[in-house]
Amino acid sequence: MNSRTHGREIYVDFGVTKPHAVLTERSRRPSLVDDLGSLGLRDARVYLEEGRPRMKLAKIAEDNRLFVIDGRIVKEFRKANAVVKSDADDAAIIRELARQTPDAFRELDPREKREIVGHTAYGYYCHLTGLIATLKNRQKAFEREFGSSLPQIDAALRTLEREKKVAMQFFSKYSTQVKRLDIRGMGPRILGGILLKASPARFPSLSAYLGYCGLKGHAISGGRYSRHVRALYHQLATSTIMHKDPEFYGLYQKVKGNLRERFPDYSGTRIEGMTKNRLATFLAKRVFSSARATANGTDRTRK
């Protein structure tokens, strides 16, 4: 199929736990493919349902044009035409809809495609980190129980650590923004995670951004915020304290002192948590304003 997929139209019904069904303009039966990257797609127009797994889309996003359609439209077409649900039939429905109602599809813009690739790279890094942490914990438990570690575990950890270093290279693209922000304790990995998971460009206002990041009281009480992004900002707050950033460490000490005066009955742990939350909020404001200023060409972040 590789030699015939350059510059052509491709219709895909994704399989999450099974092969993908792929049709071309004229094919009568779909090809079943485990890995879309193996198709060698380049300059093709790819039609598919919205909300497909990022990892699978990332393999074809950069070199092709992607057109997505709301899955409800596919479902309505299937129901109206009494079509039995199957991967092959859904790929055929997507092809038919692209021919009959092309306006029902929305092309992913360059930013969305970059986000797909970025989210996939970030997710891969996070899963590697979690896997390494889990394996190290298992290794320690094994050593406590049996007195020594298995060579296979040691070898696996070395392999995973090497892979993690390779995965980390993706975040080097954020080094310029890290230098521009000039905050001690902020590295490309944390900033990259923040910008990928909560890009300021996606939010109409600072208030909306802080709410999504879990740094507004109403967002916390309502439970409508990103726990992952909140955790990233708290990691950043902790890191700036450890590295004693000239601006934010001083702010941390000032806020902590004020909170101790206001709430003398609160435990030290509670005061520390409240202080870090305030510091995380100030950091989020700085990231938001810097990203907006950079986008507008007016960045005056501290030099």
C-alpha atoms as a PDB file:
ATOM      1  CA  MET A   1       0.000   0.000   0.000  1.00  0.00           C
ATOM      2  CA  ASN A   2       2.973   2.324   0.593  1.00  0.00           C
ATOM      3  CA  SER A   3       3.623   3.115  -3.055  1.00  0.00           C
ATOM      4  CA  ARG A   4       0.021   4.155  -3.597  1.00  0.00           C
ATOM      5  CA  THR A   5      -0.564   6.322  -0.537  1.00  0.00           C
ATOM      6  CA  HIS A   6       1.368   9.463  -1.500  1.00  0.00           C
ATOM      7  CA  GLY A   7      -0.920  12.438  -2.130  1.00  0.00           C
ATOM      8  CA  ARG A   8      -4.103  10.378  -1.980  1.00  0.00           C
ATOM      9  CA  GLU A   9      -7.252  10.279   0.095  1.00  0.00           C
ATOM     10  CA  ILE A  10      -7.334   7.728   2.907  1.00  0.00           C
ATOM     11  CA  TYR A  11     -10.304   6.836   5.119  1.00  0.00           C
ATOM     12  CA  VAL A  12      -9.615   5.283   8.497  1.00  0.00           C
ATOM     13  CA  ASP A  13     -11.703   3.630  11.164  1.00  0.00           C
ATOM     14  CA  PHE A  14      -9.451   3.331  14.197  1.00  0.00           C
ATOM     15  CA  GLY A  15      -9.149   0.123  16.125  1.00  0.00           C
ATOM     16  CA  VAL A  16      -8.118   0.669  19.729  1.00  0.00           C
ATOM     17  CA  THR A  17      -7.366  -2.969  20.564  1.00  0.00           C
ATOM     18  CA  LYS A  18      -7.536  -4.363  17.031  1.00  0.00           C
ATOM     19  CA  PRO A  19      -6.230  -3.433  13.563  1.00  0.00           C
ATOM     20  CA  HIS A  20      -7.356  -0.222  11.839  1.00  0.00           C
ATOM     21  CA  ALA A  21      -9.609  -0.445   8.780  1.00  0.00           C
ATOM     22  CA  VAL A  22      -8.159   1.647   5.934  1.00  0.00           C
ATOM     23  CA  LEU A  23      -9.831   2.487   2.631  1.00  0.00           C
ATOM     24  CA  THR A  24      -8.562   4.476  -0.365  1.00  0.00           C
ATOM     25  CA  GLU A  25     -10.757   6.317  -2.902  1.00  0.00           C
ATOM     26  CA  ARG A  26     -11.352   3.217  -5.021  1.00  0.00           C
ATOM     27  CA  SER A  27     -10.656   0.229  -2.805  1.00  0.00           C
ATOM     28  CA  ARG A  28     -13.652  -2.053  -2.353  1.00  0.00           C
ATOM     29  CA  ARG A  29     -12.431  -3.731   0.798  1.00  0.00           C
ATOM     30  CA  PRO A  30     -10.458  -2.131   3.620  1.00  0.00           C
ATOM     31  CA  SER A  31      -6.932  -3.125   4.492  1.00  0.00           C
ATOM     32  CA  LEU A  32      -6.449  -4.082   8.130  1.00  0.00           C
ATOM     33  CA  VAL A  33      -3.376  -2.351   9.520  1.00  0.00           C
ATOM     34  CA  ASP A  34      -1.834  -2.569  12.991  1.00  0.00           C
ATOM     35  CA  ASP A  35       0.459   0.431  12.635  1.00  0.00           C
ATOM     36  CA  LEU A  36      -0.531   3.463  10.551  1.00  0.00           C
ATOM     37  CA  GLY A  37       3.105   4.536  10.469  1.00  0.00           C
ATOM     38  CA  SER A  38       3.880   1.451   8.393  1.00  0.00           C
ATOM     39  CA  LEU A  39       1.745   2.788   5.517  1.00  0.00           C
ATOM     40  CA  GLY A  40       4.348   5.378   4.599  1.00  0.00           C
ATOM     41  CA  LEU A  41       1.675   8.055   4.204  1.00  0.00           C
ATOM     42  CA  ARG A  42       2.938  11.368   2.847  1.00  0.00           C
ATOM     43  CA  ASP A  43       0.951  14.355   1.571  1.00  0.00           C
ATOM     44  CA  ALA A  44      -2.233  12.317   1.906  1.00  0.00           C
ATOM     45  CA  ARG A  45      -5.644  13.582   2.972  1.00  0.00           C
ATOM     46  CA  VAL A  46      -6.669  11.382   5.889  1.00  0.00           C
ATOM     47  CA  TYR A  47     -10.319  11.291   6.979  1.00  0.00           C
ATOM     48  CA  LEU A  48     -11.314   9.892  10.362  1.00  0.00           C
ATOM     49  CA  GLU A  49     -13.546  10.316  13.387  1.00  0.00           C
ATOM     50  CA  GLU A  50     -12.665  12.944  15.967  1.00  0.00           C
ATOM     51  CA  GLY A  51     -11.119  11.946  19.275  1.00  0.00           C
ATOM     52  CA  ARG A  52      -8.821   9.183  18.073  1.00  0.00           C
ATOM     53  CA  PRO A  53      -5.853   8.103  20.268  1.00  0.00           C
ATOM     54  CA  ARG A  54      -3.022  10.648  20.057  1.00  0.00           C
ATOM     55  CA  MET A  55      -0.282   8.030  19.901  1.00  0.00           C
ATOM     56  CA  LYS A  56      -1.764   6.557  16.743  1.00  0.00           C
ATOM     57  CA  LEU A  57      -2.402   9.954  15.115  1.00  0.00           C
ATOM     58  CA  ALA A  58       1.079  11.236  15.938  1.00  0.00           C
ATOM     59  CA  LYS A  59       2.593   8.755  13.490  1.00  0.00           C
ATOM     60  CA  ILE A  60       0.810  10.374  10.530  1.00  0.00           C
ATOM     61  CA  ALA A  61       0.108  13.938  11.713  1.00  0.00           C
ATOM     62  CA  GLU A  62       3.267  15.703  10.563  1.00  0.00           C
ATOM     63  CA  ASP A  63       3.396  14.599   6.915  1.00  0.00           C
ATOM     64  CA  ASN A  64      -0.307  14.563   6.044  1.00  0.00           C
ATOM     65  CA  ARG A  65      -3.512  16.600   6.194  1.00  0.00           C
ATOM     66  CA  LEU A  66      -5.995  15.302   8.766  1.00  0.00           C
ATOM     67  CA  PHE A  67      -9.743  15.815   8.486  1.00  0.00           C
ATOM     68  CA  VAL A  68     -11.956  14.852  11.419  1.00  0.00           C
ATOM     69  CA  ILE A  69     -15.693  14.414  11.789  1.00  0.00           C
ATOM     70  CA  ASP A  70     -17.894  14.211  14.860  1.00  0.00           C
ATOM     71  CA  GLY A  71     -18.532  10.557  15.673  1.00  0.00           C
ATOM     72  CA  ARG A  72     -22.232  11.347  16.202  1.00  0.00           C
ATOM     73  CA  ILE A  73     -22.579  12.174  12.509  1.00  0.00           C
ATOM     74  CA  VAL A  74     -21.130   8.790  11.607  1.00  0.00           C
ATOM     75  CA  LYS A  75     -23.528   7.129  14.043  1.00  0.00           C
ATOM     76  CA  GLU A  76     -26.542   8.987  12.621  1.00  0.00           C
ATOM     77  CA  PHE A  77     -25.584   8.015   9.063  1.00  0.00           C
ATOM     78  CA  ARG A  78     -25.205   4.386  10.118  1.00  0.00           C
ATOM     79  CA  LYS A  79     -28.594   4.423  11.820  1.00  0.00           C
ATOM     80  CA  ALA A  80     -30.383   6.217   8.953  1.00  0.00           C
ATOM     81  CA  ASN A  81     -29.050   3.702   6.430  1.00  0.00           C
ATOM     82  CA  ALA A  82     -29.520   0.632   8.658  1.00  0.00           C
ATOM     83  CA  VAL A  83     -25.831  -0.214   8.454  1.00  0.00           C
ATOM     84  CA  VAL A  84     -24.537  -2.774  10.939  1.00  0.00           C
ATOM     85  CA  LYS A  85     -21.631  -1.411  12.939  1.00  0.00           C
ATOM     86  CA  SER A  86     -18.267  -2.822  11.902  1.00  0.00           C
ATOM     87  CA  ASP A  87     -14.807  -1.441  11.251  1.00  0.00           C
ATOM     88  CA  ALA A  88     -15.086  -2.010   7.515  1.00  0.00           C
ATOM     89  CA  ASP A  89     -18.511  -0.369   7.288  1.00  0.00           C
ATOM     90  CA  ASP A  90     -17.448   2.600   9.413  1.00  0.00           C
ATOM     91  CA  ALA A  91     -14.479   3.249   7.118  1.00  0.00           C
ATOM     92  CA  ALA A  92     -16.890   3.115   4.155  1.00  0.00           C
ATOM     93  CA  ILE A  93     -19.281   5.519   5.939  1.00  0.00           C
ATOM     94  CA  ILE A  94     -16.454   7.988   6.539  1.00  0.00           C
ATOM     95  CA  ARG A  95     -15.554   7.796   2.834  1.00  0.00           C
ATOM     96  CA  GLU A  96     -19.169   8.329   1.795  1.00  0.00           C
ATOM     97  CA  LEU A  97     -19.588  11.291   4.137  1.00  0.00           C
ATOM     98  CA  ALA A  98     -16.389  12.854   2.795  1.00  0.00           C
ATOM     99  CA  ARG A  99     -17.861  12.624  -0.699  1.00  0.00           C
ATOM    100  CA  GLN A 100     -21.400  13.753   0.147  1.00  0.00           C
ATOM    101  CA  THR A 101     -20.814  16.328   2.881  1.00  0.00           C
ATOM    102  CA  PRO A 102     -17.144  17.362   2.939  1.00  0.00           C
ATOM    103  CA  ASP A 103     -18.051  20.426   5.032  1.00  0.00           C
ATOM    104  CA  ALA A 104     -18.901  18.092   7.931  1.00  0.00           C
ATOM    105  CA  PHE A 105     -15.171  17.464   8.301  1.00  0.00           C
ATOM    106  CA  ARG A 106     -12.784  19.872  10.006  1.00  0.00           C
ATOM    107  CA  GLU A 107      -9.119  19.994   9.080  1.00  0.00           C
ATOM    108  CA  LEU A 108      -6.695  19.987  11.978  1.00  0.00           C
ATOM    109  CA  ASP A 109      -4.566  23.126  11.867  1.00  0.00           C
ATOM    110  CA  PRO A 110      -0.763  23.102  12.338  1.00  0.00           C
ATOM    111  CA  ARG A 111      -1.066  23.980  16.035  1.00  0.00           C
ATOM    112  CA  GLU A 112      -3.417  21.057  16.675  1.00  0.00           C
ATOM    113  CA  LYS A 113      -1.111  18.690  14.834  1.00  0.00           C
ATOM    114  CA  ARG A 114       1.889  19.914  16.827  1.00  0.00           C
ATOM    115  CA  GLU A 115      -0.119  19.392  20.013  1.00  0.00           C
ATOM    116  CA  ILE A 116      -0.888  15.797  19.008  1.00  0.00           C
ATOM    117  CA  VAL A 117       2.816  15.094  18.517  1.00  0.00           C
ATOM    118  CA  GLY A 118       3.701  16.981  21.711  1.00  0.00           C
ATOM    119  CA  HIS A 119       1.089  15.281  23.871  1.00  0.00           C
ATOM    120  CA  THR A 120       2.252  11.908  22.600  1.00  0.00           C
ATOM    121  CA  ALA A 121       5.913  12.659  23.371  1.00  0.00           C
ATOM    122  CA  TYR A 122       5.029  14.008  26.813  1.00  0.00           C
ATOM    123  CA  GLY A 123       2.794  11.040  27.592  1.00  0.00           C
ATOM    124  CA  TYR A 124       5.548   8.658  26.525  1.00  0.00           C
ATOM    125  CA  TYR A 125       8.028  10.387  28.833  1.00  0.00           C
ATOM    126  CA  CYS A 126       5.592  10.348  31.775  1.00  0.00           C
ATOM    127  CA  HIS A 127       4.810   6.658  31.292  1.00  0.00           C
ATOM    128  CA  LEU A 128       8.512   5.842  31.138  1.00  0.00           C
ATOM    129  CA  THR A 129       9.064   7.785  34.365  1.00  0.00           C
ATOM    130  CA  GLY A 130       6.211   5.957  36.070  1.00  0.00           C
ATOM    131  CA  LEU A 131       7.429   2.591  34.818  1.00  0.00           C
ATOM    132  CA  ILE A 132      10.941   3.254  36.119  1.00  0.00           C
ATOM    133  CA  ALA A 133       9.615   4.345  39.515  1.00  0.00           C
ATOM    134  CA  THR A 134       7.416   1.246  39.771  1.00  0.00           C
ATOM    135  CA  LEU A 135      10.242  -1.071  38.803  1.00  0.00           C
ATOM    136  CA  LYS A 136      12.603   0.545  41.324  1.00  0.00           C
ATOM    137  CA  ASN A 137      10.024   0.047  44.063  1.00  0.00           C
ATOM    138  CA  ARG A 138       9.615  -3.581  43.048  1.00  0.00           C
ATOM    139  CA  GLN A 139      13.382  -3.963  42.996  1.00  0.00           C
ATOM    140  CA  LYS A 140      13.678  -2.665  46.575  1.00  0.00           C
ATOM    141  CA  ALA A 141      10.869  -4.949  47.750  1.00  0.00           C
ATOM    142  CA  PHE A 142      12.581  -7.907  46.072  1.00  0.00           C
ATOM    143  CA  GLU A 143      15.892  -7.038  47.751  1.00  0.00           C
ATOM    144  CA  ARG A 144      14.236  -6.804  51.173  1.00  0.00           C
ATOM    145  CA  GLU A 145      12.532 -10.145  50.685  1.00  0.00           C
ATOM    146  CA  PHE A 146      15.353 -12.126  49.085  1.00  0.00           C
ATOM    147  CA  GLY A 147      18.527 -10.226  49.947  1.00  0.00           C
ATOM    148  CA  SER A 148      19.602  -9.211  46.439  1.00  0.00           C
ATOM    149  CA  SER A 149      18.214  -7.828  43.203  1.00  0.00           C
ATOM    150  CA  LEU A 150      17.696  -9.756  39.994  1.00  0.00           C
ATOM    151  CA  PRO A 151      20.214  -8.933  37.217  1.00  0.00           C
ATOM    152  CA  GLN A 152      17.280  -8.808  34.787  1.00  0.00           C
ATOM    153  CA  ILE A 153      15.675  -5.975  36.764  1.00  0.00           C
ATOM    154  CA  ASP A 154      18.953  -4.034  36.831  1.00  0.00           C
ATOM    155  CA  ALA A 155      19.341  -4.483  33.077  1.00  0.00           C
ATOM    156  CA  ALA A 156      15.748  -3.422  32.418  1.00  0.00           C
ATOM    157  CA  LEU A 157      16.209  -0.278  34.510  1.00  0.00           C
ATOM    158  CA  ARG A 158      19.369   0.661  32.633  1.00  0.00           C
ATOM    159  CA  THR A 159      17.540   0.246  29.323  1.00  0.00           C
ATOM    160  CA  LEU A 160      14.576   2.317  30.510  1.00  0.00           C
ATOM    161  CA  GLU A 161      16.830   5.077  31.855  1.00  0.00           C
ATOM    162  CA  ARG A 162      18.568   5.291  28.469  1.00  0.00           C
ATOM    163  CA  GLU A 163      15.224   5.479  26.724  1.00  0.00           C
ATOM    164  CA  LYS A 164      14.107   8.192  29.146  1.00  0.00           C
ATOM    165  CA  LYS A 165      17.143  10.304  28.215  1.00  0.00           C
ATOM    166  CA  VAL A 166      16.240   9.937  24.551  1.00  0.00           C
ATOM    167  CA  ALA A 167      12.615  10.884  25.276  1.00  0.00           C
ATOM    168  CA  MET A 168      13.828  13.916  27.234  1.00  0.00           C
ATOM    169  CA  GLN A 169      15.360  15.362  24.068  1.00  0.00           C
ATOM    170  CA  PHE A 170      11.873  16.310  22.890  1.00  0.00           C
ATOM    171  CA  PHE A 171      11.720  19.020  25.572  1.00  0.00           C
ATOM    172  CA  SER A 172      14.870  20.782  24.359  1.00  0.00           C
ATOM    173  CA  LYS A 173      12.605  22.886  22.134  1.00  0.00           C
ATOM    174  CA  TYR A 174      11.394  24.686  25.275  1.00  0.00           C
ATOM    175  CA  SER A 175      14.901  25.757  26.333  1.00  0.00           C
ATOM    176  CA  THR A 176      14.547  29.211  24.762  1.00  0.00           C
ATOM    177  CA  GLN A 177      11.328  29.873  26.678  1.00  0.00           C
ATOM    178  CA  VAL A 178      12.967  28.660  29.889  1.00  0.00           C
ATOM    179  CA  LYS A 179      15.816  31.141  29.382  1.00  0.00           C
ATOM    180  CA  ARG A 180      13.355  33.916  28.629  1.00  0.00           C
ATOM    181  CA  LEU A 181      11.415  33.280  31.834  1.00  0.00           C
ATOM    182  CA  ASP A 182      14.690  33.060  33.809  1.00  0.00           C
ATOM    183  CA  ILE A 183      13.242  31.246  36.835  1.00  0.00           C
ATOM    184  CA  ARG A 184      15.636  29.102  38.821  1.00  0.00           C
ATOM    185  CA  GLY A 185      14.329  25.585  39.175  1.00  0.00           C
ATOM    186  CA  MET A 186      12.308  25.702  35.959  1.00  0.00           C
ATOM    187  CA  GLY A 187      13.518  23.231  33.349  1.00  0.00           C
ATOM    188  CA  PRO A 188      12.353  22.388  29.822  1.00  0.00           C
ATOM    189  CA  ARG A 189      10.512  19.258  30.984  1.00  0.00           C
ATOM    190  CA  ILE A 190       8.241  21.010  33.499  1.00  0.00           C
ATOM    191  CA  LEU A 191       7.605  24.018  31.254  1.00  0.00           C
ATOM    192  CA  GLY A 192       6.997  21.740  28.279  1.00  0.00           C
ATOM    193  CA  GLY A 193       4.458  19.734  30.260  1.00  0.00           C
ATOM    194  CA  ILE A 194       2.670  22.902  31.367  1.00  0.00           C
ATOM    195  CA  LEU A 195       2.513  24.401  27.874  1.00  0.00           C
ATOM    196  CA  LEU A 196       1.368  21.126  26.331  1.00  0.00           C
ATOM    197  CA  LYS A 197      -1.307  20.413  28.925  1.00  0.00           C
ATOM    198  CA  ALA A 198      -2.395  24.019  29.494  1.00  0.00           C
ATOM    199  CA  SER A 199      -1.291  26.256  26.646  1.00  0.00           C
ATOM    200  CA  PRO A 200      -2.258  29.866  27.505  1.00  0.00           C
ATOM    201  CA  ALA A 201      -3.336  30.317  23.878  1.00  0.00           C
ATOM    202  CA  ARG A 202      -6.332  28.058  24.559  1.00  0.00           C
ATOM    203  CA  PHE A 203      -7.793  30.307  27.265  1.00  0.00           C
ATOM    204  CA  PRO A 204      -9.720  33.570  26.868  1.00  0.00           C
ATOM    205  CA  SER A 205      -8.444  35.075  30.124  1.00  0.00           C
ATOM    206  CA  LEU A 206      -6.002  34.679  32.984  1.00  0.00           C
ATOM    207  CA  SER A 207      -8.881  33.798  35.317  1.00  0.00           C
ATOM    208  CA  ALA A 208      -9.972  30.938  33.053  1.00  0.00           C
ATOM    209  CA  TYR A 209      -6.393  29.719  32.860  1.00  0.00           C
ATOM    210  CA  LEU A 210      -5.882  29.731  36.619  1.00  0.00           C
ATOM    211  CA  GLY A 211      -9.175  27.920  37.085  1.00  0.00           C
ATOM    212  CA  TYR A 212      -8.155  25.168  34.678  1.00  0.00           C
ATOM    213  CA  CYS A 213      -4.807  24.861  36.468  1.00  0.00           C
ATOM    214  CA  GLY A 214      -6.584  24.305  39.796  1.00  0.00           C
ATOM    215  CA  LEU A 215      -5.344  27.584  41.240  1.00  0.00           C
ATOM    216  CA  LYS A 216      -8.749  29.169  41.832  1.00  0.00           C
ATOM    217  CA  GLY A 217     -10.966  28.336  44.797  1.00  0.00           C
ATOM    218  CA  HIS A 218     -14.136  27.844  42.738  1.00  0.00           C
ATOM    219  CA  ALA A 219     -12.355  25.406  40.417  1.00  0.00           C
ATOM    220  CA  ILE A 220     -11.123  23.326  43.353  1.00  0.00           C
ATOM    221  CA  SER A 221     -14.506  23.241  45.087  1.00  0.00           C
ATOM    222  CA  GLY A 222     -16.245  22.332  41.836  1.00  0.00           C
ATOM    223  CA  GLY A 223     -13.660  19.727  40.908  1.00  0.00           C
ATOM    224  CA  ARG A 224     -13.373  21.147  37.389  1.00  0.00           C
ATOM    225  CA  TYR A 225      -9.668  21.556  36.853  1.00  0.00           C
ATOM    226  CA  SER A 226      -6.652  19.635  35.588  1.00  0.00           C
ATOM    227  CA  ARG A 227      -5.066  17.758  38.445  1.00  0.00           C
ATOM    228  CA  HIS A 228      -2.059  17.030  36.291  1.00  0.00           C
ATOM    229  CA  VAL A 229      -1.381  20.699  35.540  1.00  0.00           C
ATOM    230  CA  ARG A 230      -1.963  21.667  39.178  1.00  0.00           C
ATOM    231  CA  ALA A 231       0.623  19.043  40.165  1.00  0.00           C
ATOM    232  CA  LEU A 232       3.085  20.440  37.599  1.00  0.00           C
ATOM    233  CA  TYR A 233       2.754  23.949  38.987  1.00  0.00           C
ATOM    234  CA  HIS A 234       3.237  22.650  42.523  1.00  0.00           C
ATOM    235  CA  GLN A 235       6.344  20.777  41.336  1.00  0.00           C
ATOM    236  CA  LEU A 236       7.584  24.029  39.832  1.00  0.00           C
ATOM    237  CA  ALA A 237       6.868  25.919  43.069  1.00  0.00           C
ATOM    238  CA  THR A 238       8.819  23.338  45.072  1.00  0.00           C
ATOM    239  CA  SER A 239      11.699  23.485  42.596  1.00  0.00           C
ATOM    240  CA  THR A 240      11.939  27.294  42.732  1.00  0.00           C
ATOM    241  CA  ILE A 241      12.071  27.103  46.533  1.00  0.00           C
ATOM    242  CA  MET A 242      14.804  24.448  46.453  1.00  0.00           C
ATOM    243  CA  HIS A 243      16.848  26.468  43.946  1.00  0.00           C
ATOM    244  CA  LYS A 244      16.116  29.728  45.804  1.00  0.00           C
ATOM    245  CA  ASP A 245      15.046  31.770  42.809  1.00  0.00           C
ATOM    246  CA  PRO A 246      15.852  35.423  43.663  1.00  0.00           C
ATOM    247  CA  GLU A 247      12.330  36.642  43.025  1.00  0.00           C
ATOM    248  CA  PHE A 248      10.081  33.715  43.862  1.00  0.00           C
ATOM    249  CA  TYR A 249      11.985  32.446  46.892  1.00  0.00           C
ATOM    250  CA  GLY A 250      11.704  35.890  48.456  1.00  0.00           C
ATOM    251  CA  LEU A 251       8.019  35.887  47.624  1.00  0.00           C
ATOM    252  CA  TYR A 252       7.667  32.444  49.190  1.00  0.00           C
ATOM    253  CA  GLN A 253       9.207  33.640  52.456  1.00  0.00           C
ATOM    254  CA  LYS A 254       7.036  36.757  52.531  1.00  0.00           C
ATOM    255  CA  VAL A 255       3.783  34.863  51.846  1.00  0.00           C
ATOM    256  CA  LYS A 256       4.656  32.193  54.402  1.00  0.00           C
ATOM    257  CA  GLY A 257       5.348  34.825  57.071  1.00  0.00           C
ATOM    258  CA  ASN A 258       2.066  36.595  56.351  1.00  0.00           C
ATOM    259  CA  LEU A 259       0.098  33.357  56.545  1.00  0.00           C
ATOM    260  CA  ARG A 260       1.684  32.444  59.861  1.00  0.00           C
ATOM    261  CA  GLU A 261       0.582  35.794  61.276  1.00  0.00           C
ATOM    262  CA  ARG A 262      -2.947  35.456  59.913  1.00  0.00           C
ATOM    263  CA  PHE A 263      -3.434  31.839  60.934  1.00  0.00           C
ATOM    264  CA  PRO A 264      -1.354  31.209  64.079  1.00  0.00           C
ATOM    265  CA  ASP A 265      -3.341  28.063  64.914  1.00  0.00           C
ATOM    266  CA  TYR A 266      -2.621  26.355  61.604  1.00  0.00           C
ATOM    267  CA  SER A 267      -0.029  23.595  61.504  1.00  0.00           C
ATOM    268  CA  GLY A 268       3.277  24.143  59.760  1.00  0.00           C
ATOM    269  CA  THR A 269       2.303  21.596  57.111  1.00  0.00           C
ATOM    270  CA  ARG A 270      -0.914  23.430  56.315  1.00  0.00           C
ATOM    271  CA  ILE A 271       0.862  26.792  56.125  1.00  0.00           C
ATOM    272  CA  GLU A 272       3.467  25.272  53.801  1.00  0.00           C
ATOM    273  CA  GLY A 273       0.766  23.871  51.532  1.00  0.00           C
ATOM    274  CA  MET A 274      -1.059  27.202  51.369  1.00  0.00           C
ATOM    275  CA  THR A 275       2.200  29.016  50.645  1.00  0.00           C
ATOM    276  CA  LYS A 276       3.144  26.697  47.801  1.00  0.00           C
ATOM    277  CA  ASN A 277      -0.323  27.088  46.334  1.00  0.00           C
ATOM    278  CA  ARG A 278       0.078  30.890  46.353  1.00  0.00           C
ATOM    279  CA  LEU A 279       3.530  30.557  44.824  1.00  0.00           C
ATOM    280  CA  ALA A 280       2.196  28.211  42.145  1.00  0.00           C
ATOM    281  CA  THR A 281      -0.418  30.845  41.312  1.00  0.00           C
ATOM    282  CA  PHE A 282       2.214  33.571  40.890  1.00  0.00           C
ATOM    283  CA  LEU A 283       4.251  31.237  38.668  1.00  0.00           C
ATOM    284  CA  ALA A 284       1.200  30.445  36.549  1.00  0.00           C
ATOM    285  CA  LYS A 285       0.554  34.162  36.094  1.00  0.00           C
ATOM    286  CA  ARG A 286       4.142  34.637  34.935  1.00  0.00           C
ATOM    287  CA  VAL A 287       3.945  31.745  32.460  1.00  0.00           C
ATOM    288  CA  PHE A 288       0.588  32.983  31.136  1.00  0.00           C
ATOM    289  CA  SER A 289       1.712  36.593  30.675  1.00  0.00           C
ATOM    290  CA  SER A 290       5.010  35.574  29.079  1.00  0.00           C
ATOM    291  CA  ALA A 291       3.312  33.192  26.627  1.00  0.00           C
ATOM    292  CA  ARG A 292       0.748  35.832  25.670  1.00  0.00           C
ATOM    293  CA  ALA A 293       3.403  38.517  25.281  1.00  0.00           C
ATOM    294  CA  THR A 294       5.545  36.220  23.134  1.00  0.00           C
ATOM    295  CA  ALA A 295       2.566  35.460  20.911  1.00  0.00           C
ATOM    296  CA  ASN A 296       1.905  39.203  20.546  1.00  0.00           C
ATOM    297  CA  GLY A 297       5.564  40.087  20.056  1.00  0.00           C
ATOM    298  CA  THR A 298       5.665  42.219  23.224  1.00  0.00           C
ATOM    299  CA  ASP A 299       7.528  39.956  25.648  1.00  0.00           C
ATOM    300  CA  ARG A 300       9.294  41.907  28.405  1.00  0.00           C
ATOM    301  CA  THR A 301       9.850  38.963  30.767  1.00  0.00           C
ATOM    302  CA  ARG A 302      12.671  39.651  33.194  1.00  0.00           C
ATOM    303  CA  LYS A 303      16.012  39.673  31.434  1.00  0.00           C
END
